[in-house]
Amino acid sequence: MKRYILITCIITAFACAACHSTKKVRETTVAKQQFDIKLNDTLQNKLNTGIDFTANGQNPASWNLDMDFDKYFLFTTADGISMSLYATSVRKINDQSQFNLLTKIGDMIITIDSINCPNSNFETQTHWVQVSLAGKIYTGCGKYLYDPQLNNTWVLESIKDIEQQKNMFTKGLPEIKFDIQKGTVTGRDGCNNFGGNITIEGNRIRFNNMYQTKIYCKNNNDAFEKMIKENISGKLASYYFKEGKLYLYLIDDSMLIFKKK
């Protein structure tokens, strides 16, 4: 009997050590990911002032572009152009985002391509940018800004101010995981899994059409599953953080609140 108890204790000790080791590896991995995606001070300051996208280049002259999608676009060049313009809505053309503006010196077309930009001075997630204005085409590289806190796994806490409980879902509370480096979102809705590609645009997340598995779960709360299908997949959502929690503001003016896992 004593021998049995001793063996059980040894097995338990190994299991606890393995569990602790796994948790430590996960925490180390998350910490490294957070470090890798951290914005430098210049970009963080721009994000803090509301800038969602920033770009610059050297052709045909040195230029800089800062875009606050809700308020204004600021474009300056070394060859004498400096203008602040009211923001305009985006047009999606295949894999490009295009903005058309009217300025005092002619039509201005800003094109952000989804392809990565070669020889960029930004660390990650760069895009080829072209600004057409006054007979000139300025080319360079740009970057969508983001809050690095987003890069984590989040557990659903409430839907439309209604607190969600674990026993309301077949497989526990829904979770959502954002991977900024890969540009993906994955998770489970309390029963089924979901996932897809995303683009983080400042304080907004543009969700591509997402997949959802179709396993039947008895007595599962399908509120979050419907949110994914109707209000998130293929849609644009705003996000912000408050007291360590993630708030997702959806197109129907509803709010999802998550806590960090």
C-alpha atoms as a PDB file:
ATOM      1  CA  MET A   1       0.000   0.000   0.000  1.00  0.00           C
ATOM      2  CA  LYS A   2       2.804   2.408   0.956  1.00  0.00           C
ATOM      3  CA  ARG A   3       4.582   1.546  -2.276  1.00  0.00           C
ATOM      4  CA  TYR A   4       1.422   2.307  -4.259  1.00  0.00           C
ATOM      5  CA  ILE A   5       1.050   5.679  -2.526  1.00  0.00           C
ATOM      6  CA  LEU A   6       4.713   6.492  -3.189  1.00  0.00           C
ATOM      7  CA  ILE A   7       4.383   5.679  -6.907  1.00  0.00           C
ATOM      8  CA  THR A   8       1.198   7.754  -7.118  1.00  0.00           C
ATOM      9  CA  CYS A   9       2.935  10.719  -5.477  1.00  0.00           C
ATOM     10  CA  ILE A  10       5.895  10.429  -7.871  1.00  0.00           C
ATOM     11  CA  ILE A  11       3.564  10.329 -10.895  1.00  0.00           C
ATOM     12  CA  THR A  12       1.614  13.315  -9.563  1.00  0.00           C
ATOM     13  CA  ALA A  13       4.831  15.236  -8.970  1.00  0.00           C
ATOM     14  CA  PHE A  14       6.011  14.572 -12.537  1.00  0.00           C
ATOM     15  CA  ALA A  15       2.601  15.581 -13.906  1.00  0.00           C
ATOM     16  CA  CYS A  16       2.652  18.855 -11.934  1.00  0.00           C
ATOM     17  CA  ALA A  17       6.217  19.562 -13.076  1.00  0.00           C
ATOM     18  CA  ALA A  18       5.242  18.910 -16.699  1.00  0.00           C
ATOM     19  CA  CYS A  19       2.178  21.135 -16.353  1.00  0.00           C
ATOM     20  CA  HIS A  20       4.258  23.913 -14.819  1.00  0.00           C
ATOM     21  CA  SER A  21       6.882  23.532 -17.555  1.00  0.00           C
ATOM     22  CA  THR A  22       4.232  23.716 -20.297  1.00  0.00           C
ATOM     23  CA  LYS A  23       2.714  26.833 -18.743  1.00  0.00           C
ATOM     24  CA  LYS A  24       6.155  28.448 -18.494  1.00  0.00           C
ATOM     25  CA  VAL A  25       6.916  27.667 -22.150  1.00  0.00           C
ATOM     26  CA  ARG A  26       3.582  29.193 -23.192  1.00  0.00           C
ATOM     27  CA  GLU A  27       4.203  32.326 -21.129  1.00  0.00           C
ATOM     28  CA  THR A  28       7.711  32.652 -22.602  1.00  0.00           C
ATOM     29  CA  THR A  29       6.362  32.199 -26.145  1.00  0.00           C
ATOM     30  CA  VAL A  30       3.646  34.824 -25.608  1.00  0.00           C
ATOM     31  CA  ALA A  31       6.188  37.231 -24.101  1.00  0.00           C
ATOM     32  CA  LYS A  32       8.478  36.811 -27.136  1.00  0.00           C
ATOM     33  CA  GLN A  33       5.567  37.368 -29.533  1.00  0.00           C
ATOM     34  CA  GLN A  34       4.612  40.530 -27.680  1.00  0.00           C
ATOM     35  CA  PHE A  35       8.198  41.777 -27.897  1.00  0.00           C
ATOM     36  CA  ASP A  36       8.454  40.972 -31.619  1.00  0.00           C
ATOM     37  CA  ILE A  37       5.319  42.940 -32.503  1.00  0.00           C
ATOM     38  CA  LYS A  38       5.862  45.874 -30.151  1.00  0.00           C
ATOM     39  CA  LEU A  39       5.715  49.202 -31.972  1.00  0.00           C
ATOM     40  CA  ASN A  40       8.731  51.485 -31.707  1.00  0.00           C
ATOM     41  CA  ASP A  41       8.284  54.756 -29.841  1.00  0.00           C
ATOM     42  CA  THR A  42       7.609  56.800 -32.992  1.00  0.00           C
ATOM     43  CA  LEU A  43       4.879  54.467 -34.222  1.00  0.00           C
ATOM     44  CA  GLN A  44       3.381  54.115 -30.738  1.00  0.00           C
ATOM     45  CA  ASN A  45       3.147  57.893 -30.447  1.00  0.00           C
ATOM     46  CA  LYS A  46       1.368  58.046 -33.807  1.00  0.00           C
ATOM     47  CA  LEU A  47      -1.081  55.371 -32.690  1.00  0.00           C
ATOM     48  CA  ASN A  48      -1.723  57.305 -29.471  1.00  0.00           C
ATOM     49  CA  THR A  49      -2.712  60.365 -31.522  1.00  0.00           C
ATOM     50  CA  GLY A  50      -5.191  58.359 -33.606  1.00  0.00           C
ATOM     51  CA  ILE A  51      -3.091  57.468 -36.665  1.00  0.00           C
ATOM     52  CA  ASP A  52      -4.223  54.167 -38.201  1.00  0.00           C
ATOM     53  CA  PHE A  53      -1.778  53.900 -41.103  1.00  0.00           C
ATOM     54  CA  THR A  54       1.575  55.535 -41.814  1.00  0.00           C
ATOM     55  CA  ALA A  55       3.767  55.422 -44.910  1.00  0.00           C
ATOM     56  CA  ASN A  56       6.858  57.028 -46.398  1.00  0.00           C
ATOM     57  CA  GLY A  57       9.180  56.792 -49.384  1.00  0.00           C
ATOM     58  CA  GLN A  58      11.947  58.407 -51.397  1.00  0.00           C
ATOM     59  CA  ASN A  59      10.552  58.335 -54.937  1.00  0.00           C
ATOM     60  CA  PRO A  60      10.398  60.801 -56.702  1.00  0.00           C
ATOM     61  CA  ALA A  61      11.210  62.791 -53.528  1.00  0.00           C
ATOM     62  CA  SER A  62      11.113  62.113 -49.812  1.00  0.00           C
ATOM     63  CA  TRP A  63       7.498  61.960 -48.589  1.00  0.00           C
ATOM     64  CA  ASN A  64       5.386  60.990 -45.583  1.00  0.00           C
ATOM     65  CA  LEU A  65       1.731  60.030 -45.179  1.00  0.00           C
ATOM     66  CA  ASP A  66      -0.256  59.671 -41.929  1.00  0.00           C
ATOM     67  CA  MET A  67      -3.868  58.473 -42.097  1.00  0.00           C
ATOM     68  CA  ASP A  68      -6.490  58.725 -39.367  1.00  0.00           C
ATOM     69  CA  PHE A  69      -9.378  56.889 -41.021  1.00  0.00           C
ATOM     70  CA  ASP A  70     -11.939  58.752 -38.900  1.00  0.00           C
ATOM     71  CA  LYS A  71     -10.577  62.315 -39.176  1.00  0.00           C
ATOM     72  CA  TYR A  72      -7.804  63.369 -41.558  1.00  0.00           C
ATOM     73  CA  PHE A  73      -4.956  62.403 -43.902  1.00  0.00           C
ATOM     74  CA  LEU A  74      -1.675  64.338 -43.688  1.00  0.00           C
ATOM     75  CA  PHE A  75       0.647  64.244 -46.718  1.00  0.00           C
ATOM     76  CA  THR A  76       4.001  66.051 -46.933  1.00  0.00           C
ATOM     77  CA  THR A  77       6.836  65.894 -49.443  1.00  0.00           C
ATOM     78  CA  ALA A  78      10.337  67.277 -49.785  1.00  0.00           C
ATOM     79  CA  ASP A  79       9.375  68.874 -53.120  1.00  0.00           C
ATOM     80  CA  GLY A  80       6.986  71.370 -51.568  1.00  0.00           C
ATOM     81  CA  ILE A  81       3.665  69.639 -50.849  1.00  0.00           C
ATOM     82  CA  SER A  82       2.051  69.827 -47.411  1.00  0.00           C
ATOM     83  CA  MET A  83      -1.646  69.186 -46.980  1.00  0.00           C
ATOM     84  CA  SER A  84      -4.165  68.000 -44.419  1.00  0.00           C
ATOM     85  CA  LEU A  85      -7.334  66.493 -45.896  1.00  0.00           C
ATOM     86  CA  TYR A  86     -10.570  65.223 -44.420  1.00  0.00           C
ATOM     87  CA  ALA A  87     -10.609  61.425 -44.333  1.00  0.00           C
ATOM     88  CA  THR A  88     -12.607  59.635 -46.989  1.00  0.00           C
ATOM     89  CA  SER A  89     -13.986  56.106 -47.112  1.00  0.00           C
ATOM     90  CA  VAL A  90     -11.994  53.252 -48.588  1.00  0.00           C
ATOM     91  CA  ARG A  91     -12.725  51.443 -51.843  1.00  0.00           C
ATOM     92  CA  LYS A  92     -11.713  47.795 -51.993  1.00  0.00           C
ATOM     93  CA  ILE A  93     -10.402  46.797 -55.409  1.00  0.00           C
ATOM     94  CA  ASN A  94      -9.211  43.189 -55.454  1.00  0.00           C
ATOM     95  CA  ASP A  95      -6.272  43.136 -53.019  1.00  0.00           C
ATOM     96  CA  GLN A  96      -5.951  46.907 -52.830  1.00  0.00           C
ATOM     97  CA  SER A  97      -7.415  49.622 -50.622  1.00  0.00           C
ATOM     98  CA  GLN A  98      -7.940  52.876 -52.505  1.00  0.00           C
ATOM     99  CA  PHE A  99      -8.777  56.386 -51.279  1.00  0.00           C
ATOM    100  CA  ASN A 100      -9.852  59.115 -53.715  1.00  0.00           C
ATOM    101  CA  LEU A 101      -9.607  62.749 -52.637  1.00  0.00           C
ATOM    102  CA  LEU A 102      -9.988  66.160 -54.247  1.00  0.00           C
ATOM    103  CA  THR A 103      -7.240  68.681 -53.433  1.00  0.00           C
ATOM    104  CA  LYS A 104      -6.414  72.248 -54.512  1.00  0.00           C
ATOM    105  CA  ILE A 105      -3.793  70.942 -56.912  1.00  0.00           C
ATOM    106  CA  GLY A 106      -5.839  68.082 -58.398  1.00  0.00           C
ATOM    107  CA  ASP A 107      -7.183  64.623 -57.723  1.00  0.00           C
ATOM    108  CA  MET A 108      -5.277  62.524 -55.207  1.00  0.00           C
ATOM    109  CA  ILE A 109      -5.378  58.728 -55.253  1.00  0.00           C
ATOM    110  CA  ILE A 110      -3.846  56.750 -52.384  1.00  0.00           C
ATOM    111  CA  THR A 111      -3.416  53.034 -53.037  1.00  0.00           C
ATOM    112  CA  ILE A 112      -2.414  50.532 -50.354  1.00  0.00           C
ATOM    113  CA  ASP A 113      -1.521  47.124 -51.731  1.00  0.00           C
ATOM    114  CA  SER A 114      -1.815  43.932 -49.701  1.00  0.00           C
ATOM    115  CA  ILE A 115       1.591  42.687 -50.912  1.00  0.00           C
ATOM    116  CA  ASN A 116       4.617  43.112 -48.689  1.00  0.00           C
ATOM    117  CA  CYS A 117       6.891  46.021 -49.461  1.00  0.00           C
ATOM    118  CA  PRO A 118      10.561  45.271 -50.270  1.00  0.00           C
ATOM    119  CA  ASN A 119      13.347  47.185 -48.531  1.00  0.00           C
ATOM    120  CA  SER A 120      10.997  48.651 -45.932  1.00  0.00           C
ATOM    121  CA  ASN A 121      12.241  50.499 -42.853  1.00  0.00           C
ATOM    122  CA  PHE A 122       9.295  49.056 -40.903  1.00  0.00           C
ATOM    123  CA  GLU A 123       9.870  45.821 -38.994  1.00  0.00           C
ATOM    124  CA  THR A 124       6.683  43.864 -39.799  1.00  0.00           C
ATOM    125  CA  GLN A 125       3.465  43.885 -41.823  1.00  0.00           C
ATOM    126  CA  THR A 126       4.508  46.327 -44.523  1.00  0.00           C
ATOM    127  CA  HIS A 127       2.492  47.270 -47.596  1.00  0.00           C
ATOM    128  CA  TRP A 128       3.345  48.778 -50.965  1.00  0.00           C
ATOM    129  CA  VAL A 129       1.912  52.312 -51.161  1.00  0.00           C
ATOM    130  CA  GLN A 130       1.361  54.632 -54.116  1.00  0.00           C
ATOM    131  CA  VAL A 131       0.182  58.247 -53.980  1.00  0.00           C
ATOM    132  CA  SER A 132      -0.826  59.845 -57.276  1.00  0.00           C
ATOM    133  CA  LEU A 133      -1.011  63.652 -57.184  1.00  0.00           C
ATOM    134  CA  ALA A 134      -0.348  66.582 -59.528  1.00  0.00           C
ATOM    135  CA  GLY A 135       1.110  64.454 -62.284  1.00  0.00           C
ATOM    136  CA  LYS A 136       3.517  62.664 -59.957  1.00  0.00           C
ATOM    137  CA  ILE A 137       3.422  59.168 -58.485  1.00  0.00           C
ATOM    138  CA  TYR A 138       4.998  58.811 -55.053  1.00  0.00           C
ATOM    139  CA  THR A 139       5.892  55.241 -54.094  1.00  0.00           C
ATOM    140  CA  GLY A 140       7.055  53.690 -50.864  1.00  0.00           C
ATOM    141  CA  CYS A 141       6.090  51.491 -47.942  1.00  0.00           C
ATOM    142  CA  GLY A 142       3.419  51.711 -45.267  1.00  0.00           C
ATOM    143  CA  LYS A 143       2.184  50.012 -42.145  1.00  0.00           C
ATOM    144  CA  TYR A 144      -1.146  49.637 -40.349  1.00  0.00           C
ATOM    145  CA  LEU A 145      -0.731  50.428 -36.675  1.00  0.00           C
ATOM    146  CA  TYR A 146      -2.240  48.357 -33.875  1.00  0.00           C
ATOM    147  CA  ASP A 147      -2.340  47.898 -30.116  1.00  0.00           C
ATOM    148  CA  PRO A 148       0.021  44.973 -29.285  1.00  0.00           C
ATOM    149  CA  GLN A 149      -2.228  43.961 -26.362  1.00  0.00           C
ATOM    150  CA  LEU A 150      -4.568  42.442 -28.935  1.00  0.00           C
ATOM    151  CA  ASN A 151      -2.059  39.671 -29.635  1.00  0.00           C
ATOM    152  CA  ASN A 152      -3.383  37.163 -27.101  1.00  0.00           C
ATOM    153  CA  THR A 153      -6.106  34.660 -26.294  1.00  0.00           C
ATOM    154  CA  TRP A 154      -9.304  36.195 -24.926  1.00  0.00           C
ATOM    155  CA  VAL A 155     -12.206  34.547 -23.097  1.00  0.00           C
ATOM    156  CA  LEU A 156     -15.747  35.825 -23.650  1.00  0.00           C
ATOM    157  CA  GLU A 157     -17.209  37.641 -20.641  1.00  0.00           C
ATOM    158  CA  SER A 158     -20.369  39.320 -21.935  1.00  0.00           C
ATOM    159  CA  ILE A 159     -22.562  39.795 -25.025  1.00  0.00           C
ATOM    160  CA  LYS A 160     -24.623  42.989 -25.238  1.00  0.00           C
ATOM    161  CA  ASP A 161     -24.091  43.583 -21.489  1.00  0.00           C
ATOM    162  CA  ILE A 162     -25.336  40.068 -20.676  1.00  0.00           C
ATOM    163  CA  GLU A 163     -22.751  38.161 -18.639  1.00  0.00           C
ATOM    164  CA  GLN A 164     -21.885  34.743 -20.052  1.00  0.00           C
ATOM    165  CA  GLN A 165     -21.441  31.695 -17.799  1.00  0.00           C
ATOM    166  CA  LYS A 166     -19.399  28.563 -18.485  1.00  0.00           C
ATOM    167  CA  ASN A 167     -22.403  26.270 -18.023  1.00  0.00           C
ATOM    168  CA  MET A 168     -24.239  28.061 -20.838  1.00  0.00           C
ATOM    169  CA  PHE A 169     -21.902  26.444 -23.382  1.00  0.00           C
ATOM    170  CA  THR A 170     -21.234  22.776 -24.152  1.00  0.00           C
ATOM    171  CA  LYS A 171     -17.441  23.133 -24.171  1.00  0.00           C
ATOM    172  CA  GLY A 172     -17.007  26.101 -21.856  1.00  0.00           C
ATOM    173  CA  LEU A 173     -16.806  29.830 -22.486  1.00  0.00           C
ATOM    174  CA  PRO A 174     -15.966  30.880 -26.069  1.00  0.00           C
ATOM    175  CA  GLU A 175     -12.416  32.021 -26.794  1.00  0.00           C
ATOM    176  CA  ILE A 176     -10.851  34.138 -29.506  1.00  0.00           C
ATOM    177  CA  LYS A 177      -7.133  34.327 -30.331  1.00  0.00           C
ATOM    178  CA  PHE A 178      -5.491  37.053 -32.400  1.00  0.00           C
ATOM    179  CA  ASP A 179      -2.111  36.491 -34.063  1.00  0.00           C
ATOM    180  CA  ILE A 180      -0.894  39.862 -35.332  1.00  0.00           C
ATOM    181  CA  GLN A 181       2.225  38.486 -37.047  1.00  0.00           C
ATOM    182  CA  LYS A 182       0.267  35.918 -39.056  1.00  0.00           C
ATOM    183  CA  GLY A 183      -2.749  38.185 -39.541  1.00  0.00           C
ATOM    184  CA  THR A 184      -5.153  35.500 -38.313  1.00  0.00           C
ATOM    185  CA  VAL A 185      -7.907  34.938 -35.779  1.00  0.00           C
ATOM    186  CA  THR A 186      -8.937  31.542 -34.402  1.00  0.00           C
ATOM    187  CA  GLY A 187     -11.171  30.355 -31.597  1.00  0.00           C
ATOM    188  CA  ARG A 188     -14.190  28.371 -30.505  1.00  0.00           C
ATOM    189  CA  ASP A 189     -17.764  29.483 -29.942  1.00  0.00           C
ATOM    190  CA  GLY A 190     -18.563  27.177 -27.024  1.00  0.00           C
ATOM    191  CA  CYS A 191     -19.048  24.214 -29.344  1.00  0.00           C
ATOM    192  CA  ASN A 192     -17.480  24.710 -32.780  1.00  0.00           C
ATOM    193  CA  ASN A 193     -14.191  26.162 -33.980  1.00  0.00           C
ATOM    194  CA  PHE A 194     -13.816  29.197 -36.229  1.00  0.00           C
ATOM    195  CA  GLY A 195     -10.999  31.102 -37.870  1.00  0.00           C
ATOM    196  CA  GLY A 196      -9.827  33.301 -40.716  1.00  0.00           C
ATOM    197  CA  ASN A 197      -7.599  36.153 -41.816  1.00  0.00           C
ATOM    198  CA  ILE A 198      -7.687  39.682 -40.440  1.00  0.00           C
ATOM    199  CA  THR A 199      -6.166  43.076 -41.097  1.00  0.00           C
ATOM    200  CA  ILE A 200      -5.695  45.332 -38.102  1.00  0.00           C
ATOM    201  CA  GLU A 201      -6.175  48.959 -39.087  1.00  0.00           C
ATOM    202  CA  GLY A 202      -5.352  51.121 -36.093  1.00  0.00           C
ATOM    203  CA  ASN A 203      -8.262  50.670 -33.669  1.00  0.00           C
ATOM    204  CA  ARG A 204     -10.217  48.565 -36.165  1.00  0.00           C
ATOM    205  CA  ILE A 205     -10.123  44.920 -37.173  1.00  0.00           C
ATOM    206  CA  ARG A 206     -11.156  43.969 -40.692  1.00  0.00           C
ATOM    207  CA  PHE A 207     -12.299  40.330 -40.594  1.00  0.00           C
ATOM    208  CA  ASN A 208     -12.227  38.315 -43.806  1.00  0.00           C
ATOM    209  CA  ASN A 209     -14.907  35.657 -44.336  1.00  0.00           C
ATOM    210  CA  MET A 210     -14.360  33.060 -41.633  1.00  0.00           C
ATOM    211  CA  TYR A 211     -14.871  29.319 -41.503  1.00  0.00           C
ATOM    212  CA  GLN A 212     -17.016  27.703 -38.789  1.00  0.00           C
ATOM    213  CA  THR A 213     -17.161  23.975 -38.105  1.00  0.00           C
ATOM    214  CA  LYS A 214     -20.604  22.371 -37.871  1.00  0.00           C
ATOM    215  CA  ILE A 215     -20.494  19.878 -34.995  1.00  0.00           C
ATOM    216  CA  TYR A 216     -23.809  19.470 -33.159  1.00  0.00           C
ATOM    217  CA  CYS A 217     -23.686  20.293 -29.459  1.00  0.00           C
ATOM    218  CA  LYS A 218     -26.726  19.668 -27.302  1.00  0.00           C
ATOM    219  CA  ASN A 219     -28.020  22.612 -25.247  1.00  0.00           C
ATOM    220  CA  ASN A 220     -25.273  24.939 -26.465  1.00  0.00           C
ATOM    221  CA  ASN A 221     -25.806  28.711 -26.298  1.00  0.00           C
ATOM    222  CA  ASP A 222     -25.534  29.780 -29.950  1.00  0.00           C
ATOM    223  CA  ALA A 223     -25.429  33.558 -29.291  1.00  0.00           C
ATOM    224  CA  PHE A 224     -21.693  33.880 -29.962  1.00  0.00           C
ATOM    225  CA  GLU A 225     -21.882  31.504 -32.928  1.00  0.00           C
ATOM    226  CA  LYS A 226     -24.462  33.827 -34.520  1.00  0.00           C
ATOM    227  CA  MET A 227     -22.299  36.865 -33.726  1.00  0.00           C
ATOM    228  CA  ILE A 228     -19.400  35.309 -35.647  1.00  0.00           C
ATOM    229  CA  LYS A 229     -21.587  34.511 -38.645  1.00  0.00           C
ATOM    230  CA  GLU A 230     -23.670  37.689 -38.825  1.00  0.00           C
ATOM    231  CA  ASN A 231     -21.657  40.522 -37.250  1.00  0.00           C
ATOM    232  CA  ILE A 232     -17.979  39.551 -37.456  1.00  0.00           C
ATOM    233  CA  SER A 233     -17.245  37.397 -40.515  1.00  0.00           C
ATOM    234  CA  GLY A 234     -16.505  39.674 -43.461  1.00  0.00           C
ATOM    235  CA  LYS A 235     -17.108  42.776 -41.342  1.00  0.00           C
ATOM    236  CA  LEU A 236     -15.189  45.645 -39.745  1.00  0.00           C
ATOM    237  CA  ALA A 237     -15.145  45.996 -35.949  1.00  0.00           C
ATOM    238  CA  SER A 238     -13.597  48.544 -33.604  1.00  0.00           C
ATOM    239  CA  TYR A 239     -11.658  47.503 -30.518  1.00  0.00           C
ATOM    240  CA  TYR A 240     -10.257  49.082 -27.384  1.00  0.00           C
ATOM    241  CA  PHE A 241      -8.976  48.088 -23.961  1.00  0.00           C
ATOM    242  CA  LYS A 242     -10.244  49.076 -20.538  1.00  0.00           C
ATOM    243  CA  GLU A 243      -8.973  47.759 -17.210  1.00  0.00           C
ATOM    244  CA  GLY A 244      -7.213  44.867 -18.946  1.00  0.00           C
ATOM    245  CA  LYS A 245     -10.287  43.750 -20.891  1.00  0.00           C
ATOM    246  CA  LEU A 246     -10.853  43.688 -24.647  1.00  0.00           C
ATOM    247  CA  TYR A 247     -13.954  45.442 -25.995  1.00  0.00           C
ATOM    248  CA  LEU A 248     -15.153  44.627 -29.529  1.00  0.00           C
ATOM    249  CA  TYR A 249     -17.660  47.121 -30.945  1.00  0.00           C
ATOM    250  CA  LEU A 250     -19.582  45.524 -33.821  1.00  0.00           C
ATOM    251  CA  ILE A 251     -21.437  46.901 -36.840  1.00  0.00           C
ATOM    252  CA  ASP A 252     -24.873  46.565 -35.182  1.00  0.00           C
ATOM    253  CA  ASP A 253     -23.684  48.727 -32.251  1.00  0.00           C
ATOM    254  CA  SER A 254     -23.452  45.663 -29.990  1.00  0.00           C
ATOM    255  CA  MET A 255     -20.490  45.069 -27.690  1.00  0.00           C
ATOM    256  CA  LEU A 256     -18.506  41.952 -26.857  1.00  0.00           C
ATOM    257  CA  ILE A 257     -16.276  42.019 -23.779  1.00  0.00           C
ATOM    258  CA  PHE A 258     -13.408  39.575 -23.232  1.00  0.00           C
ATOM    259  CA  LYS A 259     -10.959  38.943 -20.422  1.00  0.00           C
ATOM    260  CA  LYS A 260      -7.414  37.701 -20.967  1.00  0.00           C
ATOM    261  CA  LYS A 261      -6.968  33.936 -20.662  1.00  0.00           C
END
